Structure formats: C-alpha cells, structure tokens
C-alpha cells in the first residue's frame, strides 16, 4: 500500500531505531526473558497490574484494591530481572513513541 519512497523511508527509520543502544539493550533483555519462563510470567503479571492501575479513575485511587495492586507491583519489581526488563522496555518504547510523535508533528495531523 505504501509507495516505494515511503516504504524506503519507513525502513530507514526502522533501521535507525535498531541501531540505537536502547534497541540493543531491549533485544538483549528480551532474549534473557525468553529463556526464563518464570520471570516472563512475573513480567506479564506486572504489566497486567500496570494496565489495571491506569484504568482506575483518579477519584478511586485511594482504595484498598489500589494499595494491594501497588504493593504487588512493587514486590514483583523487587526481582532484578523483572525490574531491568521493564526499565529497558520503558526506555525503548518511549524512544519509539517520541520518534512517531515527531513524524506526526512534522506532517501536521490534528489528533
């Protein structure tokens, strides 16, 4: 669907992202986690908790349920492998989002 010029430009951006230290660190962490099913389960649980916490309205943040979720999340991220993976992933995803944001801003799409 993309024209040849756009496909080449998209690949160029993708290739540039892959050359960053953030991408390399993320890929290394992914490799480590893929070889450790138990840690992978802990990461999946931590992600689930993050999503649940983001869904809770600000007005409902002071509840036992929220406190319980936050305590569990903190406990999960005390595991060094979980913490490191989530930290590296967050840095990488932020970089990708900033890159996409620059593209959207430069082509002036009103969102």
C-alpha atoms as a PDB file:
ATOM      1  CA  UNK A   1       0.000   0.000   0.000  1.00  0.00           C
ATOM      2  CA  UNK A   2       2.879   2.387   0.726  1.00  0.00           C
ATOM      3  CA  UNK A   3       4.666   3.800  -2.240  1.00  0.00           C
ATOM      4  CA  UNK A   4       8.275   2.828  -2.826  1.00  0.00           C
ATOM      5  CA  UNK A   5       9.582   6.123  -1.436  1.00  0.00           C
ATOM      6  CA  UNK A   6       7.557   5.847   1.769  1.00  0.00           C
ATOM      7  CA  UNK A   7       8.495   2.195   2.235  1.00  0.00           C
ATOM      8  CA  UNK A   8      12.181   3.078   1.940  1.00  0.00           C
ATOM      9  CA  UNK A   9      11.786   5.983   4.371  1.00  0.00           C
ATOM     10  CA  UNK A  10       9.925   3.786   6.878  1.00  0.00           C
ATOM     11  CA  UNK A  11      12.647   1.145   6.642  1.00  0.00           C
ATOM     12  CA  UNK A  12      15.257   3.835   7.112  1.00  0.00           C
ATOM     13  CA  UNK A  13      13.590   4.997  10.340  1.00  0.00           C
ATOM     14  CA  UNK A  14      13.213   1.383  11.471  1.00  0.00           C
ATOM     15  CA  UNK A  15      16.868   0.682  10.717  1.00  0.00           C
ATOM     16  CA  UNK A  16      17.924   3.816  12.603  1.00  0.00           C
ATOM     17  CA  UNK A  17      15.911   2.710  15.643  1.00  0.00           C
ATOM     18  CA  UNK A  18      17.540  -0.717  15.508  1.00  0.00           C
ATOM     19  CA  UNK A  19      20.996   0.881  15.635  1.00  0.00           C
ATOM     20  CA  UNK A  20      20.351   2.621  18.953  1.00  0.00           C
ATOM     21  CA  UNK A  21      21.709   1.437  22.264  1.00  0.00           C
ATOM     22  CA  UNK A  22      18.136   1.420  23.584  1.00  0.00           C
ATOM     23  CA  UNK A  23      17.067  -1.107  20.956  1.00  0.00           C
ATOM     24  CA  UNK A  24      20.122  -3.281  21.547  1.00  0.00           C
ATOM     25  CA  UNK A  25      19.523  -3.279  25.315  1.00  0.00           C
ATOM     26  CA  UNK A  26      15.843  -4.116  24.794  1.00  0.00           C
ATOM     27  CA  UNK A  27      16.629  -7.010  22.455  1.00  0.00           C
ATOM     28  CA  UNK A  28      19.178  -8.384  24.922  1.00  0.00           C
ATOM     29  CA  UNK A  29      16.629  -8.250  27.738  1.00  0.00           C
ATOM     30  CA  UNK A  30      14.020  -9.931  25.527  1.00  0.00           C
ATOM     31  CA  UNK A  31      16.477 -12.748  24.830  1.00  0.00           C
ATOM     32  CA  UNK A  32      17.140 -13.210  28.540  1.00  0.00           C
ATOM     33  CA  UNK A  33      13.441 -13.226  29.430  1.00  0.00           C
ATOM     34  CA  UNK A  34      12.500 -15.638  26.654  1.00  0.00           C
ATOM     35  CA  UNK A  35      14.841 -18.177  28.201  1.00  0.00           C
ATOM     36  CA  UNK A  36      13.251 -17.802  31.655  1.00  0.00           C
ATOM     37  CA  UNK A  37       9.526 -18.728  31.695  1.00  0.00           C
ATOM     38  CA  UNK A  38       9.101 -17.923  35.396  1.00  0.00           C
ATOM     39  CA  UNK A  39      10.407 -14.376  35.032  1.00  0.00           C
ATOM     40  CA  UNK A  40       8.291 -13.967  31.911  1.00  0.00           C
ATOM     41  CA  UNK A  41       5.184 -14.828  33.961  1.00  0.00           C
ATOM     42  CA  UNK A  42       6.184 -12.256  36.584  1.00  0.00           C
ATOM     43  CA  UNK A  43       6.597  -9.606  33.877  1.00  0.00           C
ATOM     44  CA  UNK A  44       3.202 -10.448  32.400  1.00  0.00           C
ATOM     45  CA  UNK A  45       1.643 -10.053  35.845  1.00  0.00           C
ATOM     46  CA  UNK A  46       3.426  -6.723  36.376  1.00  0.00           C
ATOM     47  CA  UNK A  47       2.135  -5.483  33.006  1.00  0.00           C
ATOM     48  CA  UNK A  48      -1.380  -6.588  33.912  1.00  0.00           C
ATOM     49  CA  UNK A  49      -1.159  -4.606  37.141  1.00  0.00           C
ATOM     50  CA  UNK A  50       0.137  -1.541  35.295  1.00  0.00           C
ATOM     51  CA  UNK A  51      -2.822  -1.709  32.906  1.00  0.00           C
ATOM     52  CA  UNK A  52      -5.294  -2.125  35.766  1.00  0.00           C
ATOM     53  CA  UNK A  53      -3.822   0.846  37.622  1.00  0.00           C
ATOM     54  CA  UNK A  54      -4.061   3.024  34.507  1.00  0.00           C
ATOM     55  CA  UNK A  55      -7.739   2.116  34.125  1.00  0.00           C
ATOM     56  CA  UNK A  56      -8.663   3.236  37.642  1.00  0.00           C
ATOM     57  CA  UNK A  57     -10.045   6.786  37.723  1.00  0.00           C
ATOM     58  CA  UNK A  58      -8.132   9.312  39.814  1.00  0.00           C
ATOM     59  CA  UNK A  59     -11.126   9.605  42.155  1.00  0.00           C
ATOM     60  CA  UNK A  60     -10.843   5.895  43.042  1.00  0.00           C
ATOM     61  CA  UNK A  61      -7.074   5.854  43.671  1.00  0.00           C
ATOM     62  CA  UNK A  62      -7.431   5.840  47.453  1.00  0.00           C
ATOM     63  CA  UNK A  63      -8.736   2.329  47.935  1.00  0.00           C
ATOM     64  CA  UNK A  64      -7.547  -0.923  49.433  1.00  0.00           C
ATOM     65  CA  UNK A  65      -7.693  -2.519  45.977  1.00  0.00           C
ATOM     66  CA  UNK A  66      -5.316   0.079  44.525  1.00  0.00           C
ATOM     67  CA  UNK A  67      -2.998  -0.266  47.510  1.00  0.00           C
ATOM     68  CA  UNK A  68      -2.986  -4.028  47.056  1.00  0.00           C
ATOM     69  CA  UNK A  69      -2.148  -3.714  43.349  1.00  0.00           C
ATOM     70  CA  UNK A  70       0.634  -1.225  44.033  1.00  0.00           C
ATOM     71  CA  UNK A  71       2.099  -3.437  46.755  1.00  0.00           C
ATOM     72  CA  UNK A  72       2.054  -6.443  44.436  1.00  0.00           C
ATOM     73  CA  UNK A  73       3.680  -4.415  41.653  1.00  0.00           C
ATOM     74  CA  UNK A  74       6.430  -3.235  43.986  1.00  0.00           C
ATOM     75  CA  UNK A  75       7.009  -6.807  45.123  1.00  0.00           C
ATOM     76  CA  UNK A  76       7.257  -8.023  41.525  1.00  0.00           C
ATOM     77  CA  UNK A  77       9.745  -5.328  40.571  1.00  0.00           C
ATOM     78  CA  UNK A  78      11.981  -6.196  43.514  1.00  0.00           C
ATOM     79  CA  UNK A  79      13.009  -9.075  41.264  1.00  0.00           C
ATOM     80  CA  UNK A  80      16.046  -7.650  39.460  1.00  0.00           C
ATOM     81  CA  UNK A  81      15.271  -9.380  36.150  1.00  0.00           C
ATOM     82  CA  UNK A  82      11.693  -8.077  36.139  1.00  0.00           C
ATOM     83  CA  UNK A  83      12.775  -4.565  37.066  1.00  0.00           C
ATOM     84  CA  UNK A  84      15.556  -4.424  34.484  1.00  0.00           C
ATOM     85  CA  UNK A  85      13.391  -5.746  31.663  1.00  0.00           C
ATOM     86  CA  UNK A  86      10.586  -3.307  32.435  1.00  0.00           C
ATOM     87  CA  UNK A  87      13.018  -0.397  32.758  1.00  0.00           C
ATOM     88  CA  UNK A  88      14.730  -1.133  29.442  1.00  0.00           C
ATOM     89  CA  UNK A  89      11.408  -1.752  27.715  1.00  0.00           C
ATOM     90  CA  UNK A  90      10.026   1.551  29.005  1.00  0.00           C
ATOM     91  CA  UNK A  91      13.048   3.488  27.749  1.00  0.00           C
ATOM     92  CA  UNK A  92      12.824   1.839  24.326  1.00  0.00           C
ATOM     93  CA  UNK A  93       9.055   2.311  23.959  1.00  0.00           C
ATOM     94  CA  UNK A  94       9.402   5.975  24.974  1.00  0.00           C
ATOM     95  CA  UNK A  95      12.032   6.471  22.276  1.00  0.00           C
ATOM     96  CA  UNK A  96       9.798   4.855  19.638  1.00  0.00           C
ATOM     97  CA  UNK A  97       6.818   6.960  20.760  1.00  0.00           C
ATOM     98  CA  UNK A  98       8.894  10.133  20.556  1.00  0.00           C
ATOM     99  CA  UNK A  99      10.005   9.158  17.049  1.00  0.00           C
ATOM    100  CA  UNK A 100       6.409   8.582  15.951  1.00  0.00           C
ATOM    101  CA  UNK A 101       5.374  11.819  17.649  1.00  0.00           C
ATOM    102  CA  UNK A 102       7.969  13.722  15.640  1.00  0.00           C
ATOM    103  CA  UNK A 103       6.628  12.233  12.413  1.00  0.00           C
ATOM    104  CA  UNK A 104       3.024  13.062  13.313  1.00  0.00           C
ATOM    105  CA  UNK A 105       4.008  16.580  14.334  1.00  0.00           C
ATOM    106  CA  UNK A 106       6.033  17.165  11.175  1.00  0.00           C
ATOM    107  CA  UNK A 107       3.200  16.109   8.864  1.00  0.00           C
ATOM    108  CA  UNK A 108       0.690  18.168  10.854  1.00  0.00           C
ATOM    109  CA  UNK A 109      -2.003  15.628  11.652  1.00  0.00           C
ATOM    110  CA  UNK A 110      -4.561  17.037  14.041  1.00  0.00           C
ATOM    111  CA  UNK A 111      -5.217  14.421  16.679  1.00  0.00           C
END
